Amino acid sequence: MIGLKSYRTLVEGWLKVIRIENGYQTDLGDSVSSKRKPANGDDRRFSTFVLIDGLNSVKKTPHRRDWEFDVVIEARLPTAADTAEDTIADVMEDIVRAIPTKTSISTEGLQTMEVVKADVLRQPDGVNYNVVGVTLRGTCFEFTTVPA
């Protein structure tokens, strides 16, 4: 078993500490979920989703397979004309800060996970949110009894 759900849960835990009382710029940690919900355009709160976004085989032997996978953090941010850009910058910085640069992770099979990209999707006029997306790339392995 690769363990993708456990890696997603690990990222959710890192994000849930993002709170102003913990020294961050936002309270993004209040809105973290792995269940993506459609936006209704009226939301005034953050909605933050942690999603698996790909799995690639890197190497295999008769008893082990190595994988590379992506986890995407999608944060929907309410837009107010006077604060939208500052909120985007604060959220992006908070997310990147919450992801450890080096981990001693006890999750079986996980080797690395790091931020590789951050994007902003600004919505057209009339849509009440923007999206900050941060992509983490991880490497992991699994032992298998099925020959490669």
N, C-alpha and C. Protein backbone atom coordinates (compact mmCIF):
# COMPACT_ATOMS: atom_id res chain seq x y z
N MET A 1 0.84 -1.18 0.00
CA MET A 1 0.00 0.00 0.00
C MET A 1 0.89 1.25 0.00
N ILE A 2 0.53 2.21 -0.83
CA ILE A 2 1.34 3.41 -0.99
C ILE A 2 1.16 4.38 0.18
N GLY A 3 -0.05 4.56 0.66
CA GLY A 3 -0.28 5.44 1.81
C GLY A 3 -0.68 6.86 1.47
N LEU A 4 -1.22 7.09 0.28
CA LEU A 4 -1.54 8.46 -0.14
C LEU A 4 -2.48 9.18 0.83
N LYS A 5 -3.48 8.50 1.36
CA LYS A 5 -4.40 9.16 2.29
C LYS A 5 -3.67 9.61 3.56
N SER A 6 -2.72 8.82 4.02
CA SER A 6 -1.99 9.22 5.23
C SER A 6 -1.11 10.44 4.96
N TYR A 7 -0.59 10.56 3.74
CA TYR A 7 0.23 11.73 3.40
C TYR A 7 -0.64 12.98 3.30
N ARG A 8 -1.84 12.83 2.75
CA ARG A 8 -2.79 13.94 2.69
C ARG A 8 -3.16 14.38 4.10
N THR A 9 -3.41 13.42 4.99
CA THR A 9 -3.75 13.73 6.38
C THR A 9 -2.60 14.46 7.08
N LEU A 10 -1.37 14.06 6.78
CA LEU A 10 -0.19 14.72 7.34
C LEU A 10 -0.17 16.20 6.95
N VAL A 11 -0.42 16.48 5.68
CA VAL A 11 -0.44 17.87 5.20
C VAL A 11 -1.57 18.65 5.87
N GLU A 12 -2.74 18.03 5.99
CA GLU A 12 -3.85 18.69 6.68
C GLU A 12 -3.44 19.10 8.10
N GLY A 13 -2.74 18.23 8.79
CA GLY A 13 -2.28 18.54 10.15
C GLY A 13 -1.33 19.72 10.18
N TRP A 14 -0.43 19.78 9.21
CA TRP A 14 0.49 20.93 9.14
C TRP A 14 -0.29 22.23 8.96
N LEU A 15 -1.32 22.19 8.11
CA LEU A 15 -2.08 23.40 7.80
C LEU A 15 -2.99 23.84 8.93
N LYS A 16 -3.48 22.91 9.71
CA LYS A 16 -4.44 23.25 10.76
C LYS A 16 -3.84 24.11 11.87
N VAL A 17 -2.51 24.20 11.94
CA VAL A 17 -1.89 25.07 12.95
C VAL A 17 -1.83 26.53 12.49
N ILE A 18 -2.20 26.78 11.24
CA ILE A 18 -2.16 28.16 10.73
C ILE A 18 -3.28 28.96 11.38
N ARG A 19 -2.87 29.68 12.42
CA ARG A 19 -3.79 30.53 13.17
C ARG A 19 -3.01 31.75 13.66
N ILE A 20 -3.69 32.85 13.72
CA ILE A 20 -3.05 34.08 14.17
C ILE A 20 -2.46 33.88 15.56
N GLU A 21 -3.16 33.17 16.44
CA GLU A 21 -2.66 32.94 17.81
C GLU A 21 -1.37 32.12 17.82
N ASN A 22 -1.06 31.42 16.73
CA ASN A 22 0.19 30.66 16.62
C ASN A 22 1.28 31.43 15.88
N GLY A 23 1.05 32.72 15.64
CA GLY A 23 2.06 33.55 15.00
C GLY A 23 1.94 33.67 13.49
N TYR A 24 0.87 33.14 12.91
CA TYR A 24 0.65 33.26 11.47
C TYR A 24 -0.12 34.54 11.18
N GLN A 25 -0.25 34.89 9.90
CA GLN A 25 -0.93 36.11 9.50
C GLN A 25 -2.43 35.91 9.30
N THR A 26 -2.87 34.65 9.20
CA THR A 26 -4.28 34.35 8.94
C THR A 26 -4.74 33.20 9.85
N ASP A 27 -6.04 32.94 9.81
CA ASP A 27 -6.62 31.79 10.51
C ASP A 27 -7.04 30.72 9.50
N LEU A 28 -6.24 30.52 8.49
CA LEU A 28 -6.53 29.55 7.44
C LEU A 28 -6.75 28.15 8.01
N GLY A 29 -6.09 27.82 9.10
CA GLY A 29 -6.21 26.49 9.69
C GLY A 29 -7.61 26.10 10.11
N ASP A 30 -8.49 27.08 10.27
CA ASP A 30 -9.88 26.80 10.65
C ASP A 30 -10.67 26.16 9.52
N SER A 31 -10.18 26.22 8.28
CA SER A 31 -11.01 25.84 7.13
C SER A 31 -10.45 24.66 6.34
N VAL A 32 -9.54 23.88 6.92
CA VAL A 32 -8.84 22.82 6.18
C VAL A 32 -9.70 21.56 6.09
N SER A 33 -9.79 20.99 4.87
CA SER A 33 -10.57 19.78 4.65
C SER A 33 -10.01 19.02 3.44
N SER A 34 -10.29 17.74 3.37
CA SER A 34 -9.93 16.97 2.18
C SER A 34 -11.15 16.78 1.27
N LYS A 35 -12.26 17.37 1.65
CA LYS A 35 -13.49 17.25 0.87
C LYS A 35 -13.75 18.56 0.15
N ARG A 36 -13.53 18.55 -1.15
CA ARG A 36 -13.70 19.76 -1.95
C ARG A 36 -15.18 20.07 -2.09
N LYS A 37 -15.52 21.33 -1.88
CA LYS A 37 -16.91 21.77 -1.97
C LYS A 37 -17.03 22.82 -3.07
N PRO A 38 -18.15 22.84 -3.76
CA PRO A 38 -18.32 23.89 -4.76
C PRO A 38 -18.49 25.24 -4.08
N ALA A 39 -17.97 26.26 -4.72
CA ALA A 39 -18.12 27.61 -4.17
C ALA A 39 -19.47 28.16 -4.59
N ASN A 40 -20.11 28.85 -3.68
CA ASN A 40 -21.41 29.43 -4.02
C ASN A 40 -21.31 30.92 -4.34
N GLY A 41 -20.11 31.47 -4.27
CA GLY A 41 -19.91 32.87 -4.61
C GLY A 41 -20.26 33.84 -3.51
N ASP A 42 -20.90 33.35 -2.44
CA ASP A 42 -21.30 34.23 -1.35
C ASP A 42 -20.44 34.04 -0.10
N ASP A 43 -19.56 33.08 -0.12
CA ASP A 43 -18.77 32.78 1.07
C ASP A 43 -17.86 33.95 1.43
N ARG A 44 -17.76 34.23 2.71
CA ARG A 44 -16.87 35.27 3.22
C ARG A 44 -15.75 34.67 4.05
N ARG A 45 -15.67 33.35 4.08
CA ARG A 45 -14.64 32.66 4.86
C ARG A 45 -13.72 31.91 3.92
N PHE A 46 -12.53 31.62 4.42
CA PHE A 46 -11.61 30.78 3.66
C PHE A 46 -12.19 29.37 3.52
N SER A 47 -11.88 28.73 2.42
CA SER A 47 -12.13 27.30 2.23
C SER A 47 -10.82 26.73 1.74
N THR A 48 -10.27 25.76 2.44
CA THR A 48 -8.96 25.22 2.10
C THR A 48 -9.06 23.71 1.95
N PHE A 49 -8.59 23.21 0.82
CA PHE A 49 -8.70 21.80 0.50
C PHE A 49 -7.33 21.21 0.27
N VAL A 50 -7.14 19.98 0.72
CA VAL A 50 -5.89 19.24 0.49
C VAL A 50 -6.27 18.06 -0.40
N LEU A 51 -5.67 18.01 -1.59
CA LEU A 51 -6.07 17.05 -2.61
C LEU A 51 -4.86 16.33 -3.20
N ILE A 52 -5.00 15.03 -3.43
CA ILE A 52 -3.96 14.28 -4.14
C ILE A 52 -4.10 14.62 -5.62
N ASP A 53 -2.99 14.92 -6.28
CA ASP A 53 -3.07 15.38 -7.66
C ASP A 53 -2.05 14.69 -8.56
N GLY A 54 -1.87 13.40 -8.41
CA GLY A 54 -1.00 12.69 -9.33
C GLY A 54 -0.08 11.73 -8.63
N LEU A 55 0.26 10.68 -9.35
CA LEU A 55 1.14 9.63 -8.85
C LEU A 55 1.93 9.10 -10.04
N ASN A 56 3.25 9.08 -9.92
CA ASN A 56 4.11 8.59 -10.99
C ASN A 56 5.07 7.54 -10.44
N SER A 57 5.23 6.48 -11.21
CA SER A 57 6.21 5.47 -10.84
C SER A 57 7.60 6.00 -11.14
N VAL A 58 8.50 5.85 -10.20
CA VAL A 58 9.87 6.34 -10.36
C VAL A 58 10.83 5.18 -10.60
N LYS A 59 10.63 4.09 -9.86
CA LYS A 59 11.55 2.96 -9.95
C LYS A 59 10.84 1.74 -9.38
N LYS A 60 11.16 0.58 -9.91
CA LYS A 60 10.60 -0.64 -9.33
C LYS A 60 11.61 -1.77 -9.39
N THR A 61 11.54 -2.60 -8.38
CA THR A 61 12.35 -3.81 -8.30
C THR A 61 11.37 -4.95 -8.01
N PRO A 62 11.81 -6.18 -7.96
CA PRO A 62 10.86 -7.26 -7.68
C PRO A 62 10.14 -7.14 -6.34
N HIS A 63 10.69 -6.39 -5.39
CA HIS A 63 10.06 -6.33 -4.07
C HIS A 63 9.76 -4.92 -3.57
N ARG A 64 9.99 -3.91 -4.41
CA ARG A 64 9.77 -2.53 -3.96
C ARG A 64 9.42 -1.66 -5.16
N ARG A 65 8.50 -0.73 -4.93
CA ARG A 65 8.17 0.29 -5.93
C ARG A 65 8.37 1.66 -5.30
N ASP A 66 9.01 2.55 -6.05
CA ASP A 66 9.21 3.93 -5.61
C ASP A 66 8.28 4.84 -6.41
N TRP A 67 7.69 5.82 -5.71
CA TRP A 67 6.70 6.69 -6.32
C TRP A 67 7.02 8.15 -6.07
N GLU A 68 6.52 8.99 -6.96
CA GLU A 68 6.52 10.44 -6.79
C GLU A 68 5.06 10.87 -6.88
N PHE A 69 4.62 11.73 -5.98
CA PHE A 69 3.21 12.14 -5.98
C PHE A 69 3.11 13.63 -5.67
N ASP A 70 2.00 14.21 -6.08
CA ASP A 70 1.73 15.62 -5.79
C ASP A 70 0.53 15.75 -4.87
N VAL A 71 0.63 16.67 -3.93
CA VAL A 71 -0.48 17.06 -3.08
C VAL A 71 -0.71 18.54 -3.35
N VAL A 72 -1.95 18.90 -3.67
CA VAL A 72 -2.27 20.29 -3.94
C VAL A 72 -3.09 20.86 -2.78
N ILE A 73 -2.67 22.01 -2.33
CA ILE A 73 -3.42 22.77 -1.33
C ILE A 73 -4.13 23.87 -2.11
N GLU A 74 -5.44 23.89 -2.04
CA GLU A 74 -6.24 24.89 -2.74
C GLU A 74 -6.97 25.73 -1.70
N ALA A 75 -6.61 26.99 -1.60
CA ALA A 75 -7.23 27.89 -0.64
C ALA A 75 -8.07 28.92 -1.40
N ARG A 76 -9.36 28.90 -1.14
CA ARG A 76 -10.26 29.90 -1.73
C ARG A 76 -10.39 31.04 -0.74
N LEU A 77 -10.13 32.24 -1.24
CA LEU A 77 -10.07 33.41 -0.37
C LEU A 77 -11.14 34.41 -0.78
N PRO A 78 -11.92 34.91 0.15
CA PRO A 78 -12.89 35.94 -0.20
C PRO A 78 -12.18 37.18 -0.72
N THR A 79 -12.78 37.82 -1.68
CA THR A 79 -12.16 39.00 -2.26
C THR A 79 -12.90 40.26 -1.83
N ALA A 80 -12.15 41.16 -1.31
CA ALA A 80 -12.61 42.52 -1.06
C ALA A 80 -11.58 43.39 -1.75
N ALA A 81 -12.03 44.29 -2.56
CA ALA A 81 -11.13 45.05 -3.44
C ALA A 81 -9.93 45.65 -2.72
N ASP A 82 -10.13 46.09 -1.49
CA ASP A 82 -9.04 46.78 -0.81
C ASP A 82 -8.06 45.85 -0.10
N THR A 83 -8.41 44.57 0.07
CA THR A 83 -7.52 43.67 0.81
C THR A 83 -7.16 42.39 0.05
N ALA A 84 -7.67 42.18 -1.13
CA ALA A 84 -7.49 40.91 -1.84
C ALA A 84 -6.02 40.55 -2.04
N GLU A 85 -5.22 41.46 -2.52
CA GLU A 85 -3.82 41.15 -2.81
C GLU A 85 -3.02 40.88 -1.54
N ASP A 86 -3.30 41.63 -0.49
CA ASP A 86 -2.62 41.38 0.79
C ASP A 86 -3.00 40.01 1.34
N THR A 87 -4.28 39.65 1.23
CA THR A 87 -4.73 38.35 1.71
C THR A 87 -4.07 37.23 0.94
N ILE A 88 -3.95 37.37 -0.38
CA ILE A 88 -3.28 36.36 -1.21
C ILE A 88 -1.85 36.17 -0.72
N ALA A 89 -1.13 37.27 -0.53
CA ALA A 89 0.27 37.17 -0.09
C ALA A 89 0.36 36.54 1.30
N ASP A 90 -0.51 36.94 2.21
CA ASP A 90 -0.48 36.39 3.57
C ASP A 90 -0.75 34.89 3.57
N VAL A 91 -1.75 34.46 2.82
CA VAL A 91 -2.10 33.04 2.77
C VAL A 91 -0.97 32.22 2.15
N MET A 92 -0.41 32.70 1.05
CA MET A 92 0.68 31.97 0.40
C MET A 92 1.86 31.82 1.36
N GLU A 93 2.21 32.90 2.05
CA GLU A 93 3.32 32.83 3.00
C GLU A 93 3.01 31.90 4.17
N ASP A 94 1.78 31.95 4.68
CA ASP A 94 1.41 31.08 5.79
C ASP A 94 1.50 29.60 5.39
N ILE A 95 1.00 29.27 4.22
CA ILE A 95 1.04 27.87 3.78
C ILE A 95 2.48 27.40 3.64
N VAL A 96 3.30 28.18 2.97
CA VAL A 96 4.70 27.78 2.75
C VAL A 96 5.43 27.66 4.09
N ARG A 97 5.15 28.57 5.01
CA ARG A 97 5.79 28.51 6.33
C ARG A 97 5.38 27.27 7.12
N ALA A 98 4.14 26.82 6.95
CA ALA A 98 3.63 25.68 7.72
C ALA A 98 4.18 24.34 7.25
N ILE A 99 4.71 24.28 6.04
CA ILE A 99 5.25 23.03 5.51
C ILE A 99 6.71 22.91 5.94
N PRO A 100 7.06 21.88 6.69
CA PRO A 100 8.45 21.74 7.14
C PRO A 100 9.41 21.60 5.96
N THR A 101 10.60 22.17 6.09
CA THR A 101 11.58 22.02 5.02
C THR A 101 12.31 20.69 5.11
N LYS A 102 12.38 20.15 6.31
CA LYS A 102 12.97 18.84 6.51
C LYS A 102 12.19 18.17 7.62
N THR A 103 11.79 16.96 7.37
CA THR A 103 10.93 16.32 8.35
C THR A 103 11.52 15.01 8.83
N SER A 104 11.22 14.71 10.05
CA SER A 104 11.49 13.37 10.56
C SER A 104 10.13 12.73 10.73
N ILE A 105 9.60 12.28 9.64
CA ILE A 105 8.22 11.82 9.56
C ILE A 105 8.16 10.34 9.91
N SER A 106 7.19 10.00 10.73
CA SER A 106 7.04 8.60 11.10
C SER A 106 6.07 7.86 10.18
N THR A 107 5.54 8.55 9.16
CA THR A 107 4.63 7.92 8.23
C THR A 107 5.40 6.92 7.38
N GLU A 108 5.03 5.68 7.45
CA GLU A 108 5.76 4.61 6.78
C GLU A 108 5.84 4.83 5.27
N GLY A 109 7.03 4.73 4.72
CA GLY A 109 7.23 4.81 3.28
C GLY A 109 7.50 6.19 2.73
N LEU A 110 7.15 7.25 3.48
CA LEU A 110 7.36 8.61 2.99
C LEU A 110 8.83 8.97 3.11
N GLN A 111 9.39 9.46 2.01
CA GLN A 111 10.80 9.85 2.02
C GLN A 111 10.97 11.37 2.06
N THR A 112 10.29 12.07 1.17
CA THR A 112 10.41 13.53 1.12
C THR A 112 9.05 14.14 0.79
N MET A 113 8.88 15.39 1.17
CA MET A 113 7.74 16.17 0.72
C MET A 113 8.13 17.63 0.84
N GLU A 114 8.01 18.37 -0.26
CA GLU A 114 8.43 19.76 -0.24
C GLU A 114 7.58 20.60 -1.19
N VAL A 115 7.56 21.89 -0.93
CA VAL A 115 6.85 22.83 -1.79
C VAL A 115 7.61 22.95 -3.10
N VAL A 116 6.88 22.80 -4.21
CA VAL A 116 7.52 22.95 -5.52
C VAL A 116 6.93 24.08 -6.34
N LYS A 117 5.72 24.56 -5.95
CA LYS A 117 5.10 25.59 -6.77
C LYS A 117 3.96 26.24 -5.99
N ALA A 118 3.74 27.52 -6.26
CA ALA A 118 2.59 28.23 -5.72
C ALA A 118 2.02 29.12 -6.82
N ASP A 119 0.71 29.08 -6.98
CA ASP A 119 0.03 29.84 -8.03
C ASP A 119 -1.12 30.62 -7.45
N VAL A 120 -1.55 31.65 -8.17
CA VAL A 120 -2.74 32.41 -7.81
C VAL A 120 -3.66 32.40 -9.02
N LEU A 121 -4.91 32.05 -8.79
CA LEU A 121 -5.93 32.11 -9.83
C LEU A 121 -6.90 33.21 -9.43
N ARG A 122 -6.77 34.34 -10.09
CA ARG A 122 -7.66 35.46 -9.81
C ARG A 122 -8.93 35.27 -10.63
N GLN A 123 -10.05 35.37 -9.97
CA GLN A 123 -11.34 35.13 -10.62
C GLN A 123 -11.81 36.39 -11.34
N PRO A 124 -12.69 36.21 -12.33
CA PRO A 124 -13.22 37.38 -13.04
C PRO A 124 -14.10 38.23 -12.11
N ASP A 125 -14.33 39.46 -12.52
CA ASP A 125 -15.20 40.35 -11.75
C ASP A 125 -16.53 39.66 -11.49
N GLY A 126 -17.04 39.84 -10.28
CA GLY A 126 -18.31 39.26 -9.92
C GLY A 126 -18.19 37.95 -9.16
N VAL A 127 -17.03 37.30 -9.23
CA VAL A 127 -16.80 36.08 -8.45
C VAL A 127 -16.13 36.52 -7.16
N ASN A 128 -16.66 36.08 -6.04
CA ASN A 128 -16.26 36.62 -4.74
C ASN A 128 -15.08 35.92 -4.08
N TYR A 129 -14.26 35.22 -4.85
CA TYR A 129 -13.09 34.59 -4.26
C TYR A 129 -11.96 34.48 -5.28
N ASN A 130 -10.75 34.43 -4.77
CA ASN A 130 -9.56 34.07 -5.54
C ASN A 130 -9.05 32.75 -4.99
N VAL A 131 -8.15 32.11 -5.72
CA VAL A 131 -7.63 30.81 -5.30
C VAL A 131 -6.10 30.88 -5.23
N VAL A 132 -5.56 30.46 -4.09
CA VAL A 132 -4.12 30.24 -3.96
C VAL A 132 -3.92 28.74 -3.99
N GLY A 133 -3.07 28.28 -4.90
CA GLY A 133 -2.75 26.85 -4.99
C GLY A 133 -1.28 26.63 -4.71
N VAL A 134 -0.99 25.72 -3.80
CA VAL A 134 0.39 25.37 -3.47
C VAL A 134 0.54 23.88 -3.72
N THR A 135 1.55 23.52 -4.51
CA THR A 135 1.79 22.11 -4.85
C THR A 135 2.99 21.60 -4.06
N LEU A 136 2.78 20.47 -3.39
CA LEU A 136 3.85 19.77 -2.70
C LEU A 136 4.18 18.53 -3.51
N ARG A 137 5.44 18.20 -3.63
CA ARG A 137 5.86 16.96 -4.30
C ARG A 137 6.49 16.06 -3.26
N GLY A 138 6.02 14.84 -3.23
CA GLY A 138 6.54 13.87 -2.29
C GLY A 138 7.10 12.66 -2.99
N THR A 139 7.98 11.96 -2.30
CA THR A 139 8.48 10.67 -2.78
C THR A 139 8.23 9.65 -1.68
N CYS A 140 7.91 8.45 -2.10
CA CYS A 140 7.63 7.40 -1.14
C CYS A 140 7.94 6.05 -1.78
N PHE A 141 7.84 5.01 -0.99
CA PHE A 141 8.06 3.66 -1.50
C PHE A 141 7.11 2.71 -0.83
N GLU A 142 6.93 1.58 -1.45
CA GLU A 142 6.13 0.49 -0.87
C GLU A 142 6.82 -0.83 -1.18
N PHE A 143 6.75 -1.73 -0.25
CA PHE A 143 7.24 -3.07 -0.49
C PHE A 143 6.11 -3.90 -1.05
N THR A 144 6.43 -4.79 -1.94
CA THR A 144 5.40 -5.59 -2.57
C THR A 144 5.88 -7.03 -2.73
N THR A 145 4.94 -7.93 -2.70
CA THR A 145 5.27 -9.35 -2.94
C THR A 145 4.94 -9.72 -4.38
N VAL A 146 4.36 -8.76 -5.12
CA VAL A 146 4.03 -8.99 -6.53
C VAL A 146 5.23 -8.61 -7.36
N PRO A 147 5.77 -9.52 -8.18
CA PRO A 147 6.94 -9.19 -8.99
C PRO A 147 6.68 -8.01 -9.91
N ALA A 148 7.70 -7.19 -10.09
CA ALA A 148 7.59 -6.00 -10.95
C ALA A 148 7.51 -6.39 -12.41
